[in-house]
Amino acid sequence: MVDLLLDPFAFQFMRNGLYAGLLTVVSASLVGTWVVMRGMSFMGDAMAHGVLPGIALAFLLGGNLLVGAAISAAVMIAGVSLASARSRLGDDVAIGLLFVGMLALGVAIISARGAYAGDLTTILFGDPIGVTRGNLRTLLIAAAVTIVLTVALYRPFLVLSFSRAKARVLGMHPRLTHLVMLGLIAMVIVTSFSTVGTLLVFAFLVAPPATASLVARRVPVMMLASILVGSASVLAGLLISFYYGTATAATIAGLSVLLYFVVLTVREVVDAVRRQVSRHHRPAEATAG
């Protein structure tokens, strides 16, 4: 049994995939906790797809994909901020319009190459077992920056998650704090897409933190639980893809979502049993009284 778990990681590409996945989990879990708490999942999804035009253009022109993704993410953030400030419609409308527009533009750019399905699949789902040392360095720097900013801005992020008005009263500059948070989301997506794909990044931004929210109340505990859930998904996904030949990134993303529903089901069953036990105890207590 132990050999089944350890043998695949005798290969360097499997170890690199594991390291890349774990580093992504750390960054995405810390940022994703705030995303889930603030109800920004739609924004995270839009950002994950919003970087597509920049990646596609850089890909076709032979430029740096990270630079292309960063520019595209900046355009996405600027567009959402402008539309939210100037339009009477809600943020979700602006995000939805930019989501569809940026995704359509990205697909259109890639399709100009012809036979674009393979290129699009690589960008969306990544290649966890094809990461390089350079990719790992990028992910390590992103994880370090995320940790530092999460610790330094913990209180502003926390207050903003509950009340923008209170953050303003306390002098915490909620608009700037919100932009920093969007920047962190963009950084996680930009630095991770080439190794784990934009869809997998979004799965880690939402699924593990959402699972953690089912079993934890305090934010630091949620972050730790999210990292554990995400790490388990990475390890199990790599092993399943190795032995059964499934798409690595899709397997990891699917497991992270599956874990949410497993934990949700277990919690509902436990709550139902507790309610049943409580109802049985009440008549007995009333009789004894």
C-alpha atoms as a PDB file:
ATOM      1  CA  MET A   1       0.000   0.000   0.000  1.00  0.00           C
ATOM      2  CA  VAL A   2       2.810   2.376   0.912  1.00  0.00           C
ATOM      3  CA  ASP A   3       4.559   1.540  -2.358  1.00  0.00           C
ATOM      4  CA  LEU A   4       1.442   2.506  -4.310  1.00  0.00           C
ATOM      5  CA  LEU A   5       1.596   5.945  -2.687  1.00  0.00           C
ATOM      6  CA  LEU A   6       5.346   6.495  -2.951  1.00  0.00           C
ATOM      7  CA  ASP A   7       6.386   4.812  -6.223  1.00  0.00           C
ATOM      8  CA  PRO A   8       4.882   7.465  -8.555  1.00  0.00           C
ATOM      9  CA  PHE A   9       6.932  10.178  -6.844  1.00  0.00           C
ATOM     10  CA  ALA A  10      10.155   8.458  -7.777  1.00  0.00           C
ATOM     11  CA  PHE A  11       9.722  10.354 -11.053  1.00  0.00           C
ATOM     12  CA  GLN A  12      10.869  13.966 -11.112  1.00  0.00           C
ATOM     13  CA  PHE A  13       7.863  15.149 -13.129  1.00  0.00           C
ATOM     14  CA  MET A  14       5.520  13.775 -10.451  1.00  0.00           C
ATOM     15  CA  ARG A  15       7.466  15.513  -7.684  1.00  0.00           C
ATOM     16  CA  ASN A  16       7.411  18.769  -9.650  1.00  0.00           C
ATOM     17  CA  GLY A  17       3.661  18.420 -10.123  1.00  0.00           C
ATOM     18  CA  LEU A  18       3.230  17.842  -6.401  1.00  0.00           C
ATOM     19  CA  TYR A  19       5.342  20.875  -5.473  1.00  0.00           C
ATOM     20  CA  ALA A  20       3.498  23.080  -7.989  1.00  0.00           C
ATOM     21  CA  GLY A  21       0.125  21.919  -6.713  1.00  0.00           C
ATOM     22  CA  LEU A  22       1.007  22.472  -3.063  1.00  0.00           C
ATOM     23  CA  LEU A  23       2.417  25.947  -3.694  1.00  0.00           C
ATOM     24  CA  THR A  24      -0.722  26.846  -5.628  1.00  0.00           C
ATOM     25  CA  VAL A  25      -2.843  25.500  -2.775  1.00  0.00           C
ATOM     26  CA  VAL A  26      -1.123  27.774  -0.266  1.00  0.00           C
ATOM     27  CA  SER A  27      -1.628  30.944  -2.325  1.00  0.00           C
ATOM     28  CA  ALA A  28      -5.142  30.079  -3.481  1.00  0.00           C
ATOM     29  CA  SER A  29      -6.330  29.001  -0.031  1.00  0.00           C
ATOM     30  CA  LEU A  30      -5.211  32.212   1.664  1.00  0.00           C
ATOM     31  CA  VAL A  31      -6.744  34.444  -1.009  1.00  0.00           C
ATOM     32  CA  GLY A  32      -9.686  32.124  -1.592  1.00  0.00           C
ATOM     33  CA  THR A  33     -10.763  32.339   2.045  1.00  0.00           C
ATOM     34  CA  TRP A  34     -11.446  36.050   1.561  1.00  0.00           C
ATOM     35  CA  VAL A  35     -13.100  35.338  -1.801  1.00  0.00           C
ATOM     36  CA  VAL A  36     -15.544  32.907  -0.179  1.00  0.00           C
ATOM     37  CA  MET A  37     -16.178  35.089   2.870  1.00  0.00           C
ATOM     38  CA  ARG A  38     -16.949  38.134   0.708  1.00  0.00           C
ATOM     39  CA  GLY A  39     -19.066  36.212  -1.796  1.00  0.00           C
ATOM     40  CA  MET A  40     -16.647  37.024  -4.629  1.00  0.00           C
ATOM     41  CA  SER A  41     -16.679  33.599  -6.293  1.00  0.00           C
ATOM     42  CA  PHE A  42     -18.121  35.038  -9.499  1.00  0.00           C
ATOM     43  CA  MET A  43     -15.351  37.628  -9.545  1.00  0.00           C
ATOM     44  CA  GLY A  44     -12.755  34.896  -9.086  1.00  0.00           C
ATOM     45  CA  ASP A  45     -14.235  32.933 -11.982  1.00  0.00           C
ATOM     46  CA  ALA A  46     -14.292  36.043 -14.169  1.00  0.00           C
ATOM     47  CA  MET A  47     -10.660  36.827 -13.325  1.00  0.00           C
ATOM     48  CA  ALA A  48      -9.603  33.266 -14.129  1.00  0.00           C
ATOM     49  CA  HIS A  49     -11.097  33.579 -17.606  1.00  0.00           C
ATOM     50  CA  GLY A  50     -10.322  37.269 -17.992  1.00  0.00           C
ATOM     51  CA  VAL A  51      -6.596  36.604 -18.334  1.00  0.00           C
ATOM     52  CA  LEU A  52      -7.230  34.491 -21.439  1.00  0.00           C
ATOM     53  CA  PRO A  53      -6.890  37.257 -24.087  1.00  0.00           C
ATOM     54  CA  GLY A  54      -3.505  38.363 -22.769  1.00  0.00           C
ATOM     55  CA  ILE A  55      -2.238  34.787 -22.620  1.00  0.00           C
ATOM     56  CA  ALA A  56      -3.566  34.037 -26.097  1.00  0.00           C
ATOM     57  CA  LEU A  57      -2.016  37.154 -27.631  1.00  0.00           C
ATOM     58  CA  ALA A  58       1.350  36.529 -25.984  1.00  0.00           C
ATOM     59  CA  PHE A  59       1.167  32.902 -27.114  1.00  0.00           C
ATOM     60  CA  LEU A  60       0.575  33.847 -30.749  1.00  0.00           C
ATOM     61  CA  LEU A  61       3.225  36.587 -30.757  1.00  0.00           C
ATOM     62  CA  GLY A  62       5.809  34.469 -28.967  1.00  0.00           C
ATOM     63  CA  GLY A  63       5.917  36.808 -25.984  1.00  0.00           C
ATOM     64  CA  ASN A  64       6.050  36.167 -22.251  1.00  0.00           C
ATOM     65  CA  LEU A  65       2.796  34.505 -21.187  1.00  0.00           C
ATOM     66  CA  LEU A  66       3.039  35.836 -17.627  1.00  0.00           C
ATOM     67  CA  VAL A  67       3.318  39.416 -18.892  1.00  0.00           C
ATOM     68  CA  GLY A  68       0.353  38.885 -21.216  1.00  0.00           C
ATOM     69  CA  ALA A  69      -1.721  37.424 -18.393  1.00  0.00           C
ATOM     70  CA  ALA A  70      -0.753  40.264 -16.038  1.00  0.00           C
ATOM     71  CA  ILE A  71      -1.780  42.925 -18.570  1.00  0.00           C
ATOM     72  CA  SER A  72      -5.070  41.149 -19.206  1.00  0.00           C
ATOM     73  CA  ALA A  73      -5.743  40.883 -15.458  1.00  0.00           C
ATOM     74  CA  ALA A  74      -5.019  44.605 -15.029  1.00  0.00           C
ATOM     75  CA  VAL A  75      -7.497  45.419 -17.799  1.00  0.00           C
ATOM     76  CA  MET A  76     -10.075  43.181 -16.114  1.00  0.00           C
ATOM     77  CA  ILE A  77      -9.622  44.879 -12.721  1.00  0.00           C
ATOM     78  CA  ALA A  78      -9.736  48.366 -14.279  1.00  0.00           C
ATOM     79  CA  GLY A  79     -12.844  47.469 -16.249  1.00  0.00           C
ATOM     80  CA  VAL A  80     -14.709  46.125 -13.215  1.00  0.00           C
ATOM     81  CA  SER A  81     -13.700  49.140 -11.103  1.00  0.00           C
ATOM     82  CA  LEU A  82     -14.742  51.626 -13.782  1.00  0.00           C
ATOM     83  CA  ALA A  83     -18.055  49.934 -14.535  1.00  0.00           C
ATOM     84  CA  SER A  84     -18.876  49.602 -10.840  1.00  0.00           C
ATOM     85  CA  ALA A  85     -18.127  53.257 -10.167  1.00  0.00           C
ATOM     86  CA  ARG A  86     -19.818  54.769 -13.220  1.00  0.00           C
ATOM     87  CA  SER A  87     -22.746  52.438 -13.868  1.00  0.00           C
ATOM     88  CA  ARG A  88     -26.006  52.238 -11.971  1.00  0.00           C
ATOM     89  CA  LEU A  89     -25.985  48.489 -12.440  1.00  0.00           C
ATOM     90  CA  GLY A  90     -24.503  46.193  -9.820  1.00  0.00           C
ATOM     91  CA  ASP A  91     -20.979  44.793  -9.737  1.00  0.00           C
ATOM     92  CA  ASP A  92     -22.241  41.403 -10.891  1.00  0.00           C
ATOM     93  CA  VAL A  93     -23.477  42.894 -14.180  1.00  0.00           C
ATOM     94  CA  ALA A  94     -20.109  44.527 -14.887  1.00  0.00           C
ATOM     95  CA  ILE A  95     -18.263  41.350 -13.935  1.00  0.00           C
ATOM     96  CA  GLY A  96     -20.558  39.197 -16.072  1.00  0.00           C
ATOM     97  CA  LEU A  97     -20.147  41.408 -19.133  1.00  0.00           C
ATOM     98  CA  LEU A  98     -16.358  41.503 -18.811  1.00  0.00           C
ATOM     99  CA  PHE A  99     -16.273  37.749 -18.106  1.00  0.00           C
ATOM    100  CA  VAL A 100     -18.067  36.924 -21.369  1.00  0.00           C
ATOM    101  CA  GLY A 101     -16.290  39.621 -23.356  1.00  0.00           C
ATOM    102  CA  MET A 102     -12.775  38.661 -22.268  1.00  0.00           C
ATOM    103  CA  LEU A 103     -13.438  34.930 -22.699  1.00  0.00           C
ATOM    104  CA  ALA A 104     -14.859  35.479 -26.185  1.00  0.00           C
ATOM    105  CA  LEU A 105     -11.899  37.679 -27.135  1.00  0.00           C
ATOM    106  CA  GLY A 106      -9.422  35.087 -25.887  1.00  0.00           C
ATOM    107  CA  VAL A 107     -11.053  32.254 -27.819  1.00  0.00           C
ATOM    108  CA  ALA A 108     -11.243  34.444 -30.942  1.00  0.00           C
ATOM    109  CA  ILE A 109      -7.526  35.246 -30.720  1.00  0.00           C
ATOM    110  CA  ILE A 110      -6.557  31.598 -30.256  1.00  0.00           C
ATOM    111  CA  SER A 111      -8.865  30.492 -33.089  1.00  0.00           C
ATOM    112  CA  ALA A 112      -6.943  32.754 -35.464  1.00  0.00           C
ATOM    113  CA  ARG A 113      -4.135  30.213 -35.226  1.00  0.00           C
ATOM    114  CA  GLY A 114      -6.355  27.402 -36.541  1.00  0.00           C
ATOM    115  CA  ALA A 115      -6.826  24.016 -34.849  1.00  0.00           C
ATOM    116  CA  TYR A 116      -6.979  25.911 -31.582  1.00  0.00           C
ATOM    117  CA  ALA A 117      -8.630  23.270 -29.383  1.00  0.00           C
ATOM    118  CA  GLY A 118      -5.333  21.901 -28.127  1.00  0.00           C
ATOM    119  CA  ASP A 119      -3.898  25.318 -27.280  1.00  0.00           C
ATOM    120  CA  LEU A 120      -7.090  26.360 -25.496  1.00  0.00           C
ATOM    121  CA  THR A 121      -7.166  23.136 -23.484  1.00  0.00           C
ATOM    122  CA  THR A 122      -3.568  23.651 -22.361  1.00  0.00           C
ATOM    123  CA  ILE A 123      -4.277  27.207 -21.229  1.00  0.00           C
ATOM    124  CA  LEU A 124      -7.506  26.320 -19.410  1.00  0.00           C
ATOM    125  CA  PHE A 125      -6.359  23.089 -17.772  1.00  0.00           C
ATOM    126  CA  GLY A 126      -2.592  23.517 -17.638  1.00  0.00           C
ATOM    127  CA  ASP A 127      -0.048  20.734 -17.309  1.00  0.00           C
ATOM    128  CA  PRO A 128       0.825  20.036 -13.648  1.00  0.00           C
ATOM    129  CA  ILE A 129       3.245  17.252 -14.531  1.00  0.00           C
ATOM    130  CA  GLY A 130       5.056  19.421 -17.074  1.00  0.00           C
ATOM    131  CA  VAL A 131       6.211  22.174 -14.723  1.00  0.00           C
ATOM    132  CA  THR A 132       9.801  23.411 -14.756  1.00  0.00           C
ATOM    133  CA  ARG A 133      12.095  24.767 -12.062  1.00  0.00           C
ATOM    134  CA  GLY A 134      11.305  28.250 -13.342  1.00  0.00           C
ATOM    135  CA  ASN A 135       7.592  27.622 -12.842  1.00  0.00           C
ATOM    136  CA  LEU A 136       8.252  26.415  -9.301  1.00  0.00           C
ATOM    137  CA  ARG A 137      10.290  29.539  -8.484  1.00  0.00           C
ATOM    138  CA  THR A 138       7.454  31.726  -9.737  1.00  0.00           C
ATOM    139  CA  LEU A 139       4.919  29.825  -7.633  1.00  0.00           C
ATOM    140  CA  LEU A 140       7.190  30.021  -4.583  1.00  0.00           C
ATOM    141  CA  ILE A 141       7.539  33.810  -4.912  1.00  0.00           C
ATOM    142  CA  ALA A 142       3.768  34.164  -5.346  1.00  0.00           C
ATOM    143  CA  ALA A 143       3.135  32.049  -2.239  1.00  0.00           C
ATOM    144  CA  ALA A 144       5.599  34.138  -0.218  1.00  0.00           C
ATOM    145  CA  VAL A 145       4.037  37.435  -1.343  1.00  0.00           C
ATOM    146  CA  THR A 146       0.553  36.098  -0.578  1.00  0.00           C
ATOM    147  CA  ILE A 147       1.570  35.038   2.929  1.00  0.00           C
ATOM    148  CA  VAL A 148       3.219  38.391   3.674  1.00  0.00           C
ATOM    149  CA  LEU A 149       0.255  40.457   2.436  1.00  0.00           C
ATOM    150  CA  THR A 150      -2.273  38.213   4.166  1.00  0.00           C
ATOM    151  CA  VAL A 151      -0.506  38.723   7.486  1.00  0.00           C
ATOM    152  CA  ALA A 152       0.137  42.442   6.965  1.00  0.00           C
ATOM    153  CA  LEU A 153      -3.401  43.236   5.796  1.00  0.00           C
ATOM    154  CA  TYR A 154      -5.265  40.669   7.868  1.00  0.00           C
ATOM    155  CA  ARG A 155      -7.310  43.208   9.860  1.00  0.00           C
ATOM    156  CA  PRO A 156      -8.335  45.394   6.864  1.00  0.00           C
ATOM    157  CA  PHE A 157      -9.272  42.267   4.893  1.00  0.00           C
ATOM    158  CA  LEU A 158     -11.254  40.909   7.846  1.00  0.00           C
ATOM    159  CA  VAL A 159     -13.205  44.115   8.488  1.00  0.00           C
ATOM    160  CA  LEU A 160     -13.901  44.574   4.774  1.00  0.00           C
ATOM    161  CA  SER A 161     -15.309  41.037   4.629  1.00  0.00           C
ATOM    162  CA  PHE A 162     -18.046  42.017   7.079  1.00  0.00           C
ATOM    163  CA  SER A 163     -18.700  45.712   6.440  1.00  0.00           C
ATOM    164  CA  ARG A 164     -17.314  48.183   3.928  1.00  0.00           C
ATOM    165  CA  ALA A 165     -18.899  51.015   5.934  1.00  0.00           C
ATOM    166  CA  LYS A 166     -17.150  49.945   9.133  1.00  0.00           C
ATOM    167  CA  ALA A 167     -13.841  49.688   7.296  1.00  0.00           C
ATOM    168  CA  ARG A 168     -14.346  53.255   6.080  1.00  0.00           C
ATOM    169  CA  VAL A 169     -15.186  54.517   9.586  1.00  0.00           C
ATOM    170  CA  LEU A 170     -12.059  52.850  10.974  1.00  0.00           C
ATOM    171  CA  GLY A 171      -9.946  54.553   8.320  1.00  0.00           C
ATOM    172  CA  MET A 172      -8.962  51.315   6.576  1.00  0.00           C
ATOM    173  CA  HIS A 173      -9.450  52.616   3.032  1.00  0.00           C
ATOM    174  CA  PRO A 174     -11.868  49.905   1.820  1.00  0.00           C
ATOM    175  CA  ARG A 175     -11.533  50.811  -1.870  1.00  0.00           C
ATOM    176  CA  LEU A 176      -7.747  50.454  -1.759  1.00  0.00           C
ATOM    177  CA  THR A 177      -8.033  47.272   0.309  1.00  0.00           C
ATOM    178  CA  HIS A 178     -10.466  45.861  -2.251  1.00  0.00           C
ATOM    179  CA  LEU A 179      -8.053  46.670  -5.092  1.00  0.00           C
ATOM    180  CA  VAL A 180      -5.196  44.956  -3.227  1.00  0.00           C
ATOM    181  CA  MET A 181      -7.389  41.893  -2.802  1.00  0.00           C
ATOM    182  CA  LEU A 182      -8.221  41.889  -6.520  1.00  0.00           C
ATOM    183  CA  GLY A 183      -4.501  42.219  -7.193  1.00  0.00           C
ATOM    184  CA  LEU A 184      -3.806  39.163  -5.044  1.00  0.00           C
ATOM    185  CA  ILE A 185      -6.455  37.168  -6.870  1.00  0.00           C
ATOM    186  CA  ALA A 186      -4.935  38.219 -10.185  1.00  0.00           C
ATOM    187  CA  MET A 187      -1.419  37.322  -9.012  1.00  0.00           C
ATOM    188  CA  VAL A 188      -2.471  33.815  -7.973  1.00  0.00           C
ATOM    189  CA  ILE A 189      -4.171  33.251 -11.326  1.00  0.00           C
ATOM    190  CA  VAL A 190      -1.374  34.782 -13.405  1.00  0.00           C
ATOM    191  CA  THR A 191       1.441  32.878 -11.697  1.00  0.00           C
ATOM    192  CA  SER A 192      -0.399  29.555 -11.718  1.00  0.00           C
ATOM    193  CA  PHE A 193      -2.108  29.290 -15.102  1.00  0.00           C
ATOM    194  CA  SER A 194       0.923  27.916 -16.980  1.00  0.00           C
ATOM    195  CA  THR A 195       1.320  25.038 -14.559  1.00  0.00           C
ATOM    196  CA  VAL A 196      -2.161  24.199 -13.336  1.00  0.00           C
ATOM    197  CA  GLY A 197      -4.452  26.044 -15.749  1.00  0.00           C
ATOM    198  CA  THR A 198      -6.947  28.827 -15.199  1.00  0.00           C
ATOM    199  CA  LEU A 199      -9.819  26.449 -14.415  1.00  0.00           C
ATOM    200  CA  LEU A 200      -7.821  24.611 -11.757  1.00  0.00           C
ATOM    201  CA  VAL A 201      -6.781  27.904 -10.166  1.00  0.00           C
ATOM    202  CA  PHE A 202     -10.435  28.898  -9.877  1.00  0.00           C
ATOM    203  CA  ALA A 203     -11.281  25.508  -8.361  1.00  0.00           C
ATOM    204  CA  PHE A 204      -8.658  26.081  -5.667  1.00  0.00           C
ATOM    205  CA  LEU A 205      -9.796  29.652  -5.064  1.00  0.00           C
ATOM    206  CA  VAL A 206     -13.284  28.456  -4.159  1.00  0.00           C
ATOM    207  CA  ALA A 207     -13.614  24.721  -3.428  1.00  0.00           C
ATOM    208  CA  PRO A 208     -11.128  24.176  -0.540  1.00  0.00           C
ATOM    209  CA  PRO A 209     -12.047  27.438   1.273  1.00  0.00           C
ATOM    210  CA  ALA A 210     -15.749  26.626   0.851  1.00  0.00           C
ATOM    211  CA  THR A 211     -15.127  23.156   2.302  1.00  0.00           C
ATOM    212  CA  ALA A 212     -13.164  24.671   5.174  1.00  0.00           C
ATOM    213  CA  SER A 213     -16.034  27.059   5.931  1.00  0.00           C
ATOM    214  CA  LEU A 214     -18.231  24.034   6.677  1.00  0.00           C
ATOM    215  CA  VAL A 215     -16.029  22.891   9.551  1.00  0.00           C
ATOM    216  CA  ALA A 216     -14.336  26.072  10.813  1.00  0.00           C
ATOM    217  CA  ARG A 217     -15.487  29.470  12.031  1.00  0.00           C
ATOM    218  CA  ARG A 218     -12.292  31.420  12.708  1.00  0.00           C
ATOM    219  CA  VAL A 219     -10.506  32.757   9.625  1.00  0.00           C
ATOM    220  CA  PRO A 220      -7.008  31.380  10.432  1.00  0.00           C
ATOM    221  CA  VAL A 221      -8.506  27.927  11.047  1.00  0.00           C
ATOM    222  CA  MET A 222     -10.415  28.184   7.762  1.00  0.00           C
ATOM    223  CA  MET A 223      -7.193  29.002   5.922  1.00  0.00           C
ATOM    224  CA  LEU A 224      -5.353  26.059   7.478  1.00  0.00           C
ATOM    225  CA  ALA A 225      -8.238  23.669   6.805  1.00  0.00           C
ATOM    226  CA  SER A 226      -8.421  24.928   3.214  1.00  0.00           C
ATOM    227  CA  ILE A 227      -4.720  24.233   2.692  1.00  0.00           C
ATOM    228  CA  LEU A 228      -5.166  20.696   4.059  1.00  0.00           C
ATOM    229  CA  VAL A 229      -8.178  20.026   1.830  1.00  0.00           C
ATOM    230  CA  GLY A 230      -6.416  21.403  -1.243  1.00  0.00           C
ATOM    231  CA  SER A 231      -3.253  19.434  -0.498  1.00  0.00           C
ATOM    232  CA  ALA A 232      -5.246  16.216  -0.176  1.00  0.00           C
ATOM    233  CA  SER A 233      -6.867  16.931  -3.555  1.00  0.00           C
ATOM    234  CA  VAL A 234      -3.472  17.488  -5.181  1.00  0.00           C
ATOM    235  CA  LEU A 235      -1.968  14.297  -3.773  1.00  0.00           C
ATOM    236  CA  ALA A 236      -4.982  12.119  -4.566  1.00  0.00           C
ATOM    237  CA  GLY A 237      -5.433  13.683  -8.001  1.00  0.00           C
ATOM    238  CA  LEU A 238      -1.819  13.069  -8.988  1.00  0.00           C
ATOM    239  CA  LEU A 239      -2.011   9.435  -7.885  1.00  0.00           C
ATOM    240  CA  ILE A 240      -5.306   8.794  -9.685  1.00  0.00           C
ATOM    241  CA  SER A 241      -4.060  10.412 -12.897  1.00  0.00           C
ATOM    242  CA  PHE A 242      -0.818   8.410 -12.694  1.00  0.00           C
ATOM    243  CA  TYR A 243      -2.486   5.019 -12.283  1.00  0.00           C
ATOM    244  CA  TYR A 244      -5.593   5.566 -14.430  1.00  0.00           C
ATOM    245  CA  GLY A 245      -4.341   7.979 -17.071  1.00  0.00           C
ATOM    246  CA  THR A 246      -6.883  10.717 -16.395  1.00  0.00           C
ATOM    247  CA  ALA A 247      -6.234  14.413 -17.091  1.00  0.00           C
ATOM    248  CA  THR A 248      -4.197  15.539 -14.093  1.00  0.00           C
ATOM    249  CA  ALA A 249      -5.491  19.070 -13.599  1.00  0.00           C
ATOM    250  CA  ALA A 250      -9.115  18.105 -14.218  1.00  0.00           C
ATOM    251  CA  THR A 251      -8.818  15.205 -11.763  1.00  0.00           C
ATOM    252  CA  ILE A 252      -7.411  17.459  -9.037  1.00  0.00           C
ATOM    253  CA  ALA A 253     -10.059  20.122  -9.646  1.00  0.00           C
ATOM    254  CA  GLY A 254     -12.838  17.524  -9.645  1.00  0.00           C
ATOM    255  CA  LEU A 255     -11.651  16.015  -6.378  1.00  0.00           C
ATOM    256  CA  SER A 256     -11.511  19.415  -4.683  1.00  0.00           C
ATOM    257  CA  VAL A 257     -15.152  19.993  -5.623  1.00  0.00           C
ATOM    258  CA  LEU A 258     -16.148  16.447  -4.658  1.00  0.00           C
ATOM    259  CA  LEU A 259     -14.631  16.906  -1.204  1.00  0.00           C
ATOM    260  CA  TYR A 260     -16.895  19.904  -0.637  1.00  0.00           C
ATOM    261  CA  PHE A 261     -20.030  17.852  -1.256  1.00  0.00           C
ATOM    262  CA  VAL A 262     -18.722  14.930   0.803  1.00  0.00           C
ATOM    263  CA  VAL A 263     -18.065  17.186   3.800  1.00  0.00           C
ATOM    264  CA  LEU A 264     -21.399  18.975   3.277  1.00  0.00           C
ATOM    265  CA  THR A 265     -23.257  15.630   3.222  1.00  0.00           C
ATOM    266  CA  VAL A 266     -21.469  14.359   6.329  1.00  0.00           C
ATOM    267  CA  ARG A 267     -22.243  17.572   8.181  1.00  0.00           C
ATOM    268  CA  GLU A 268     -25.918  17.396   7.220  1.00  0.00           C
ATOM    269  CA  VAL A 269     -26.130  13.788   8.395  1.00  0.00           C
ATOM    270  CA  VAL A 270     -24.424  14.623  11.700  1.00  0.00           C
ATOM    271  CA  ASP A 271     -26.750  17.605  12.237  1.00  0.00           C
ATOM    272  CA  ALA A 272     -29.787  15.438  11.482  1.00  0.00           C
ATOM    273  CA  VAL A 273     -28.652  12.797  13.990  1.00  0.00           C
ATOM    274  CA  ARG A 274     -28.073  15.471  16.629  1.00  0.00           C
ATOM    275  CA  ARG A 275     -31.549  16.909  16.079  1.00  0.00           C
ATOM    276  CA  GLN A 276     -33.049  13.417  16.333  1.00  0.00           C
ATOM    277  CA  VAL A 277     -31.178  12.692  19.568  1.00  0.00           C
ATOM    278  CA  SER A 278     -32.204  16.076  20.966  1.00  0.00           C
ATOM    279  CA  ARG A 279     -35.886  15.374  20.250  1.00  0.00           C
ATOM    280  CA  HIS A 280     -35.645  12.006  22.016  1.00  0.00           C
ATOM    281  CA  HIS A 281     -34.065  13.562  25.082  1.00  0.00           C
ATOM    282  CA  ARG A 282     -36.581  16.367  25.518  1.00  0.00           C
ATOM    283  CA  PRO A 283     -39.621  14.207  26.465  1.00  0.00           C
ATOM    284  CA  ALA A 284     -37.477  12.285  28.928  1.00  0.00           C
ATOM    285  CA  GLU A 285     -36.298  15.510  30.550  1.00  0.00           C
ATOM    286  CA  ALA A 286     -39.845  16.858  30.679  1.00  0.00           C
ATOM    287  CA  THR A 287     -41.097  13.644  32.356  1.00  0.00           C
ATOM    288  CA  ALA A 288     -38.280  13.737  34.873  1.00  0.00           C
ATOM    289  CA  GLY A 289     -39.187  17.366  35.651  1.00  0.00           C
END
